[in-house]
N, C-alpha and C. Protein backbone atom coordinates (compact mmCIF):
# COMPACT_ATOMS: atom_id res chain seq x y z
N MET A 1 29.46 -60.59 -153.44
CA MET A 1 30.74 -61.27 -153.28
C MET A 1 30.50 -62.77 -153.26
N ASP A 2 31.20 -63.48 -154.13
CA ASP A 2 31.08 -64.94 -154.19
C ASP A 2 32.03 -65.58 -153.19
N TRP A 3 31.58 -66.64 -152.56
CA TRP A 3 32.41 -67.39 -151.64
C TRP A 3 31.95 -68.85 -151.65
N ARG A 4 32.81 -69.71 -151.14
CA ARG A 4 32.48 -71.13 -151.07
C ARG A 4 33.11 -71.72 -149.81
N ILE A 5 32.62 -72.90 -149.43
CA ILE A 5 33.13 -73.61 -148.26
C ILE A 5 33.91 -74.83 -148.77
N CYS A 6 35.10 -75.05 -148.22
CA CYS A 6 35.91 -76.20 -148.61
C CYS A 6 36.70 -76.70 -147.41
N GLY A 7 37.38 -77.81 -147.62
CA GLY A 7 38.22 -78.36 -146.56
C GLY A 7 39.51 -77.57 -146.39
N MET A 8 40.19 -77.82 -145.31
CA MET A 8 41.47 -77.16 -145.01
C MET A 8 42.53 -77.61 -146.00
N HIS A 9 43.36 -76.66 -146.40
CA HIS A 9 44.51 -76.93 -147.27
C HIS A 9 45.69 -76.12 -146.76
N THR A 10 46.88 -76.67 -146.83
CA THR A 10 48.05 -75.97 -146.29
C THR A 10 48.28 -74.62 -146.97
N ASP A 11 47.80 -74.45 -148.20
CA ASP A 11 47.95 -73.16 -148.88
C ASP A 11 47.22 -72.04 -148.12
N TYR A 12 46.25 -72.39 -147.31
CA TYR A 12 45.44 -71.40 -146.57
C TYR A 12 46.04 -71.03 -145.21
N LEU A 13 47.07 -71.73 -144.80
CA LEU A 13 47.54 -71.63 -143.42
C LEU A 13 47.95 -70.21 -143.04
N ALA A 14 48.76 -69.54 -143.85
CA ALA A 14 49.24 -68.20 -143.49
C ALA A 14 48.07 -67.22 -143.34
N ASP A 15 47.12 -67.28 -144.28
CA ASP A 15 45.97 -66.38 -144.21
C ASP A 15 45.09 -66.70 -143.00
N LEU A 16 44.92 -67.97 -142.70
CA LEU A 16 44.09 -68.36 -141.55
C LEU A 16 44.73 -67.94 -140.24
N ARG A 17 46.06 -68.04 -140.16
CA ARG A 17 46.76 -67.58 -138.95
C ARG A 17 46.48 -66.09 -138.73
N GLN A 18 46.59 -65.32 -139.82
CA GLN A 18 46.38 -63.85 -139.72
C GLN A 18 44.92 -63.55 -139.38
N LEU A 19 43.98 -64.24 -140.02
CA LEU A 19 42.57 -64.04 -139.76
C LEU A 19 42.24 -64.31 -138.29
N TYR A 20 42.77 -65.40 -137.77
CA TYR A 20 42.54 -65.79 -136.37
C TYR A 20 43.10 -64.73 -135.42
N LEU A 21 44.32 -64.31 -135.69
CA LEU A 21 44.96 -63.27 -134.85
C LEU A 21 44.18 -61.98 -134.89
N ASN A 22 43.85 -61.52 -136.09
CA ASN A 22 43.12 -60.25 -136.24
C ASN A 22 41.74 -60.32 -135.59
N SER A 23 41.03 -61.41 -135.84
CA SER A 23 39.67 -61.56 -135.28
C SER A 23 39.67 -61.55 -133.77
N ARG A 24 40.61 -62.27 -133.19
CA ARG A 24 40.64 -62.35 -131.73
C ARG A 24 41.03 -61.01 -131.11
N THR A 25 41.99 -60.31 -131.70
CA THR A 25 42.40 -59.03 -131.10
C THR A 25 41.34 -57.95 -131.30
N GLN A 26 40.58 -58.02 -132.41
CA GLN A 26 39.54 -57.04 -132.65
C GLN A 26 38.25 -57.33 -131.88
N THR A 27 37.95 -58.61 -131.70
CA THR A 27 36.69 -59.00 -131.05
C THR A 27 36.84 -59.05 -129.54
N PHE A 28 37.91 -59.66 -129.06
CA PHE A 28 38.08 -59.86 -127.61
C PHE A 28 38.88 -58.71 -127.02
N THR A 29 38.30 -57.53 -127.07
CA THR A 29 38.99 -56.30 -126.67
C THR A 29 39.32 -56.31 -125.17
N TRP A 30 38.67 -57.13 -124.40
CA TRP A 30 38.92 -57.20 -122.97
C TRP A 30 40.14 -58.06 -122.61
N LEU A 31 40.68 -58.76 -123.61
CA LEU A 31 41.88 -59.58 -123.38
C LEU A 31 43.15 -58.82 -123.75
N ASP A 32 44.27 -59.23 -123.22
CA ASP A 32 45.55 -58.59 -123.51
C ASP A 32 46.02 -59.01 -124.89
N ALA A 33 45.91 -58.11 -125.86
CA ALA A 33 46.27 -58.42 -127.25
C ALA A 33 47.77 -58.66 -127.44
N SER A 34 48.58 -58.19 -126.51
CA SER A 34 50.03 -58.33 -126.66
C SER A 34 50.47 -59.81 -126.54
N THR A 35 49.62 -60.65 -126.00
CA THR A 35 50.00 -62.07 -125.86
C THR A 35 49.60 -62.89 -127.08
N ALA A 36 48.85 -62.31 -128.00
CA ALA A 36 48.37 -63.05 -129.18
C ALA A 36 49.52 -63.21 -130.19
N LYS A 37 49.60 -64.40 -130.79
CA LYS A 37 50.65 -64.71 -131.75
C LYS A 37 50.07 -65.40 -132.98
N LEU A 38 50.78 -65.31 -134.08
CA LEU A 38 50.31 -65.93 -135.32
C LEU A 38 50.13 -67.44 -135.16
N ASP A 39 51.00 -68.10 -134.43
CA ASP A 39 50.88 -69.54 -134.33
C ASP A 39 49.79 -69.99 -133.36
N ASP A 40 49.04 -69.05 -132.79
CA ASP A 40 47.90 -69.41 -131.95
C ASP A 40 46.88 -70.25 -132.74
N PHE A 41 46.75 -69.96 -134.03
CA PHE A 41 45.83 -70.73 -134.87
C PHE A 41 46.21 -72.19 -134.88
N ASP A 42 47.48 -72.47 -135.02
CA ASP A 42 47.96 -73.86 -135.07
C ASP A 42 47.61 -74.60 -133.78
N LYS A 43 47.81 -73.92 -132.66
CA LYS A 43 47.54 -74.53 -131.36
C LYS A 43 46.04 -74.73 -131.17
N ALA A 44 45.25 -73.74 -131.59
CA ALA A 44 43.80 -73.78 -131.38
C ALA A 44 43.10 -74.82 -132.25
N THR A 45 43.72 -75.22 -133.34
CA THR A 45 43.07 -76.16 -134.26
C THR A 45 43.80 -77.49 -134.35
N GLN A 46 44.81 -77.70 -133.52
CA GLN A 46 45.61 -78.92 -133.57
C GLN A 46 44.73 -80.16 -133.45
N ASP A 47 44.88 -81.06 -134.40
CA ASP A 47 44.14 -82.34 -134.45
C ASP A 47 42.64 -82.18 -134.67
N GLU A 48 42.19 -80.99 -135.03
CA GLU A 48 40.77 -80.76 -135.28
C GLU A 48 40.47 -80.80 -136.77
N VAL A 49 39.20 -80.97 -137.09
CA VAL A 49 38.73 -80.88 -138.46
C VAL A 49 38.42 -79.41 -138.74
N VAL A 50 38.83 -78.92 -139.92
CA VAL A 50 38.65 -77.50 -140.24
C VAL A 50 37.96 -77.38 -141.59
N LEU A 51 36.92 -76.55 -141.64
CA LEU A 51 36.30 -76.12 -142.90
C LEU A 51 36.63 -74.64 -143.08
N VAL A 52 36.83 -74.23 -144.32
CA VAL A 52 37.27 -72.87 -144.62
C VAL A 52 36.31 -72.22 -145.61
N ALA A 53 35.98 -70.96 -145.36
CA ALA A 53 35.22 -70.16 -146.33
C ALA A 53 36.25 -69.40 -147.17
N ILE A 54 36.07 -69.47 -148.50
CA ILE A 54 37.04 -68.89 -149.44
C ILE A 54 36.34 -67.88 -150.35
N SER A 55 36.97 -66.75 -150.57
CA SER A 55 36.53 -65.78 -151.56
C SER A 55 37.77 -65.32 -152.33
N ASP A 56 37.71 -65.36 -153.62
CA ASP A 56 38.88 -65.00 -154.45
C ASP A 56 40.12 -65.77 -154.03
N GLU A 57 39.93 -67.05 -153.74
CA GLU A 57 41.00 -67.95 -153.33
C GLU A 57 41.72 -67.54 -152.05
N ARG A 58 41.02 -66.74 -151.21
CA ARG A 58 41.57 -66.29 -149.94
C ARG A 58 40.62 -66.66 -148.81
N PRO A 59 41.10 -67.23 -147.72
CA PRO A 59 40.23 -67.56 -146.59
C PRO A 59 39.59 -66.30 -145.98
N ILE A 60 38.29 -66.40 -145.75
CA ILE A 60 37.54 -65.30 -145.12
C ILE A 60 36.82 -65.78 -143.86
N GLY A 61 37.01 -67.05 -143.53
CA GLY A 61 36.41 -67.59 -142.31
C GLY A 61 36.74 -69.05 -142.17
N PHE A 62 36.51 -69.57 -140.97
CA PHE A 62 36.73 -71.00 -140.75
C PHE A 62 35.97 -71.47 -139.52
N VAL A 63 35.74 -72.76 -139.47
CA VAL A 63 35.19 -73.42 -138.30
C VAL A 63 36.06 -74.65 -138.03
N SER A 64 36.31 -74.94 -136.77
CA SER A 64 37.07 -76.15 -136.41
C SER A 64 36.35 -76.86 -135.29
N TRP A 65 36.49 -78.21 -135.29
CA TRP A 65 35.81 -78.98 -134.26
C TRP A 65 36.58 -80.25 -133.94
N TRP A 66 36.26 -80.79 -132.76
CA TRP A 66 36.84 -82.00 -132.25
C TRP A 66 35.77 -83.09 -132.31
N PRO A 67 35.81 -83.94 -133.36
CA PRO A 67 34.73 -84.93 -133.56
C PRO A 67 34.48 -85.89 -132.39
N PRO A 68 35.51 -86.38 -131.68
CA PRO A 68 35.20 -87.35 -130.61
C PRO A 68 34.22 -86.81 -129.57
N ASP A 69 34.23 -85.50 -129.34
CA ASP A 69 33.34 -84.91 -128.35
C ASP A 69 32.18 -84.11 -128.98
N ASN A 70 32.09 -84.09 -130.31
CA ASN A 70 31.07 -83.29 -130.99
C ASN A 70 31.14 -81.85 -130.50
N PHE A 71 32.36 -81.34 -130.37
CA PHE A 71 32.61 -80.03 -129.80
C PHE A 71 33.18 -79.07 -130.83
N ILE A 72 32.48 -77.97 -131.04
CA ILE A 72 32.97 -76.92 -131.96
C ILE A 72 33.88 -76.01 -131.15
N HIS A 73 35.10 -75.89 -131.62
CA HIS A 73 36.12 -75.15 -130.90
C HIS A 73 36.27 -73.72 -131.38
N ASN A 74 36.16 -73.49 -132.67
CA ASN A 74 36.38 -72.17 -133.25
C ASN A 74 35.39 -71.91 -134.39
N LEU A 75 34.90 -70.68 -134.45
CA LEU A 75 34.15 -70.20 -135.62
C LEU A 75 34.48 -68.71 -135.75
N TYR A 76 35.20 -68.39 -136.83
CA TYR A 76 35.62 -67.01 -137.06
C TYR A 76 35.35 -66.63 -138.51
N VAL A 77 34.89 -65.40 -138.68
CA VAL A 77 34.67 -64.84 -140.02
C VAL A 77 35.34 -63.46 -140.04
N ASP A 78 36.04 -63.18 -141.11
CA ASP A 78 36.63 -61.85 -141.31
C ASP A 78 35.52 -60.80 -141.17
N PRO A 79 35.70 -59.79 -140.30
CA PRO A 79 34.65 -58.79 -140.10
C PRO A 79 34.19 -58.09 -141.39
N HIS A 80 35.03 -58.02 -142.39
CA HIS A 80 34.64 -57.39 -143.66
C HIS A 80 33.57 -58.23 -144.38
N PHE A 81 33.37 -59.47 -143.93
CA PHE A 81 32.43 -60.38 -144.58
C PHE A 81 31.27 -60.77 -143.66
N PHE A 82 31.09 -60.01 -142.57
CA PHE A 82 29.95 -60.27 -141.69
C PHE A 82 28.64 -60.09 -142.42
N ARG A 83 27.62 -60.77 -141.93
CA ARG A 83 26.23 -60.62 -142.38
C ARG A 83 26.03 -61.03 -143.85
N GLN A 84 26.82 -62.00 -144.28
CA GLN A 84 26.67 -62.54 -145.63
C GLN A 84 26.34 -64.02 -145.61
N GLY A 85 26.04 -64.56 -144.43
CA GLY A 85 25.68 -65.97 -144.31
C GLY A 85 26.84 -66.91 -144.19
N ILE A 86 28.06 -66.38 -144.08
CA ILE A 86 29.26 -67.21 -144.05
C ILE A 86 29.35 -67.99 -142.74
N GLY A 87 29.16 -67.32 -141.63
CA GLY A 87 29.18 -68.01 -140.34
C GLY A 87 28.11 -69.10 -140.27
N ARG A 88 26.94 -68.78 -140.75
CA ARG A 88 25.83 -69.73 -140.77
C ARG A 88 26.17 -70.95 -141.63
N ALA A 89 26.80 -70.71 -142.80
CA ALA A 89 27.18 -71.81 -143.71
C ALA A 89 28.29 -72.66 -143.10
N LEU A 90 29.28 -72.03 -142.49
CA LEU A 90 30.34 -72.78 -141.83
C LEU A 90 29.78 -73.65 -140.69
N LEU A 91 28.91 -73.07 -139.91
CA LEU A 91 28.30 -73.80 -138.80
C LEU A 91 27.48 -74.97 -139.32
N ALA A 92 26.69 -74.74 -140.35
CA ALA A 92 25.87 -75.81 -140.93
C ALA A 92 26.74 -76.92 -141.50
N GLY A 93 27.82 -76.56 -142.17
CA GLY A 93 28.73 -77.57 -142.73
C GLY A 93 29.34 -78.44 -141.64
N CYS A 94 29.68 -77.81 -140.55
CA CYS A 94 30.25 -78.53 -139.40
C CYS A 94 29.18 -79.43 -138.80
N LEU A 95 27.98 -78.91 -138.57
CA LEU A 95 26.93 -79.70 -137.92
C LEU A 95 26.50 -80.90 -138.75
N GLU A 96 26.67 -80.82 -140.07
CA GLU A 96 26.38 -81.97 -140.92
C GLU A 96 27.26 -83.17 -140.57
N LYS A 97 28.42 -82.89 -140.02
CA LYS A 97 29.40 -83.94 -139.74
C LYS A 97 29.44 -84.38 -138.27
N LEU A 98 28.70 -83.66 -137.42
CA LEU A 98 28.73 -83.97 -135.98
C LEU A 98 27.47 -84.74 -135.56
N GLU A 99 27.64 -85.59 -134.57
CA GLU A 99 26.48 -86.23 -133.94
C GLU A 99 25.87 -85.25 -132.95
N ARG A 100 24.72 -85.61 -132.41
CA ARG A 100 24.05 -84.77 -131.45
C ARG A 100 24.08 -85.43 -130.07
N PRO A 101 24.10 -84.63 -129.03
CA PRO A 101 24.13 -83.18 -129.08
C PRO A 101 25.53 -82.66 -129.39
N ALA A 102 25.59 -81.52 -130.05
CA ALA A 102 26.86 -80.81 -130.29
C ALA A 102 26.97 -79.72 -129.24
N THR A 103 28.21 -79.38 -128.89
CA THR A 103 28.42 -78.35 -127.88
C THR A 103 29.50 -77.37 -128.35
N LEU A 104 29.51 -76.22 -127.70
CA LEU A 104 30.55 -75.21 -127.89
C LEU A 104 30.58 -74.32 -126.67
N LYS A 105 31.71 -73.64 -126.48
CA LYS A 105 31.83 -72.64 -125.43
C LYS A 105 31.94 -71.28 -126.08
N CYS A 106 31.33 -70.29 -125.45
CA CYS A 106 31.39 -68.91 -125.96
C CYS A 106 31.59 -67.98 -124.77
N LEU A 107 32.60 -67.13 -124.86
CA LEU A 107 32.83 -66.18 -123.77
C LEU A 107 31.61 -65.29 -123.60
N GLN A 108 31.22 -65.07 -122.37
CA GLN A 108 30.01 -64.31 -122.08
C GLN A 108 30.08 -62.87 -122.58
N GLN A 109 31.29 -62.33 -122.65
CA GLN A 109 31.43 -60.96 -123.14
C GLN A 109 31.27 -60.89 -124.66
N ASN A 110 31.29 -61.99 -125.34
CA ASN A 110 31.12 -62.02 -126.80
C ASN A 110 29.63 -62.10 -127.11
N THR A 111 28.92 -61.04 -126.80
CA THR A 111 27.47 -61.03 -126.90
C THR A 111 26.96 -61.19 -128.32
N ASN A 112 27.68 -60.67 -129.30
CA ASN A 112 27.25 -60.85 -130.69
C ASN A 112 27.26 -62.32 -131.08
N ALA A 113 28.30 -63.04 -130.67
CA ALA A 113 28.38 -64.48 -130.98
C ALA A 113 27.28 -65.24 -130.26
N ILE A 114 27.02 -64.92 -129.01
CA ILE A 114 25.98 -65.62 -128.27
C ILE A 114 24.64 -65.42 -128.96
N SER A 115 24.34 -64.19 -129.36
CA SER A 115 23.09 -63.93 -130.08
C SER A 115 23.03 -64.72 -131.38
N PHE A 116 24.13 -64.77 -132.11
CA PHE A 116 24.18 -65.54 -133.36
C PHE A 116 23.85 -67.00 -133.11
N TYR A 117 24.53 -67.60 -132.14
CA TYR A 117 24.30 -69.02 -131.87
C TYR A 117 22.85 -69.28 -131.46
N GLN A 118 22.29 -68.41 -130.65
CA GLN A 118 20.91 -68.61 -130.21
C GLN A 118 19.94 -68.52 -131.38
N THR A 119 20.20 -67.64 -132.35
CA THR A 119 19.34 -67.60 -133.53
C THR A 119 19.45 -68.84 -134.38
N GLN A 120 20.55 -69.57 -134.22
CA GLN A 120 20.77 -70.82 -134.98
C GLN A 120 20.27 -72.07 -134.22
N GLY A 121 19.62 -71.87 -133.08
CA GLY A 121 19.03 -72.98 -132.36
C GLY A 121 19.83 -73.51 -131.18
N TRP A 122 20.95 -72.84 -130.86
CA TRP A 122 21.77 -73.25 -129.72
C TRP A 122 21.13 -72.72 -128.43
N VAL A 123 21.30 -73.49 -127.35
CA VAL A 123 20.73 -73.14 -126.04
C VAL A 123 21.86 -73.15 -125.01
N ILE A 124 21.83 -72.16 -124.12
CA ILE A 124 22.82 -72.13 -123.03
C ILE A 124 22.50 -73.26 -122.06
N LYS A 125 23.48 -74.09 -121.82
CA LYS A 125 23.31 -75.25 -120.91
C LYS A 125 23.88 -74.94 -119.53
N GLU A 126 25.06 -74.33 -119.49
CA GLU A 126 25.69 -74.03 -118.19
C GLU A 126 26.71 -72.93 -118.36
N GLU A 127 27.23 -72.48 -117.22
CA GLU A 127 28.26 -71.44 -117.20
C GLU A 127 29.55 -71.99 -116.62
N GLY A 128 30.65 -71.35 -116.98
CA GLY A 128 31.94 -71.75 -116.45
C GLY A 128 32.91 -70.60 -116.53
N THR A 129 34.14 -70.84 -116.09
CA THR A 129 35.18 -69.83 -116.14
C THR A 129 36.43 -70.44 -116.73
N SER A 130 37.10 -69.66 -117.57
CA SER A 130 38.38 -70.08 -118.16
C SER A 130 39.40 -68.97 -117.94
N ASP A 131 40.60 -69.19 -118.44
CA ASP A 131 41.65 -68.15 -118.33
C ASP A 131 41.22 -66.87 -119.06
N GLU A 132 40.34 -67.00 -120.06
CA GLU A 132 39.92 -65.84 -120.83
C GLU A 132 38.66 -65.17 -120.27
N GLY A 133 38.08 -65.76 -119.24
CA GLY A 133 36.91 -65.17 -118.61
C GLY A 133 35.74 -66.14 -118.53
N ALA A 134 34.61 -65.61 -118.08
CA ALA A 134 33.40 -66.41 -117.95
C ALA A 134 32.87 -66.80 -119.32
N TYR A 135 32.35 -68.03 -119.41
CA TYR A 135 31.82 -68.49 -120.68
C TYR A 135 30.50 -69.22 -120.46
N PHE A 136 29.76 -69.36 -121.55
CA PHE A 136 28.58 -70.21 -121.58
C PHE A 136 28.93 -71.47 -122.34
N LEU A 137 28.44 -72.60 -121.88
CA LEU A 137 28.47 -73.84 -122.67
C LEU A 137 27.12 -73.92 -123.37
N LEU A 138 27.14 -73.92 -124.69
CA LEU A 138 25.91 -74.01 -125.47
C LEU A 138 25.77 -75.41 -126.05
N ILE A 139 24.52 -75.82 -126.26
CA ILE A 139 24.25 -77.16 -126.75
C ILE A 139 23.25 -77.07 -127.90
N PHE A 140 23.42 -77.98 -128.87
CA PHE A 140 22.56 -78.02 -130.05
C PHE A 140 22.05 -79.46 -130.20
N HIS A 141 20.73 -79.61 -130.23
CA HIS A 141 20.12 -80.94 -130.29
C HIS A 141 19.56 -81.30 -131.66
N GLU A 142 19.12 -80.33 -132.44
CA GLU A 142 18.39 -80.61 -133.68
C GLU A 142 19.20 -81.37 -134.70
């Protein structure tokens, strides 16, 4: 399957909203899915920089970050496209644009994501709690 990474475009908005909704409800099974809405994507990425992974002119993943804090806020890949290097490519594209250290938060129950980040060189710096549950703050220095 061919795919590429590009900048955000309004043509991708509807598909990205659906991808974000589906990914969160499928991955975060411990959260109440009935509260999830399509416009959650808009709120979660407001004023952030977004890179999108595209296959057949359809979004299959995205990463968003807040440059002033070098903070990665979201990284999602359509589960049908897992293990194809898309998450790694999105993360690398984002890190090319961020200063160091870069940080992100990951819910502790999202063990697959934590393992992924650790294989990419991220280190757990501290723990915290949010409305969605306990999380790790991860840091990247390289």
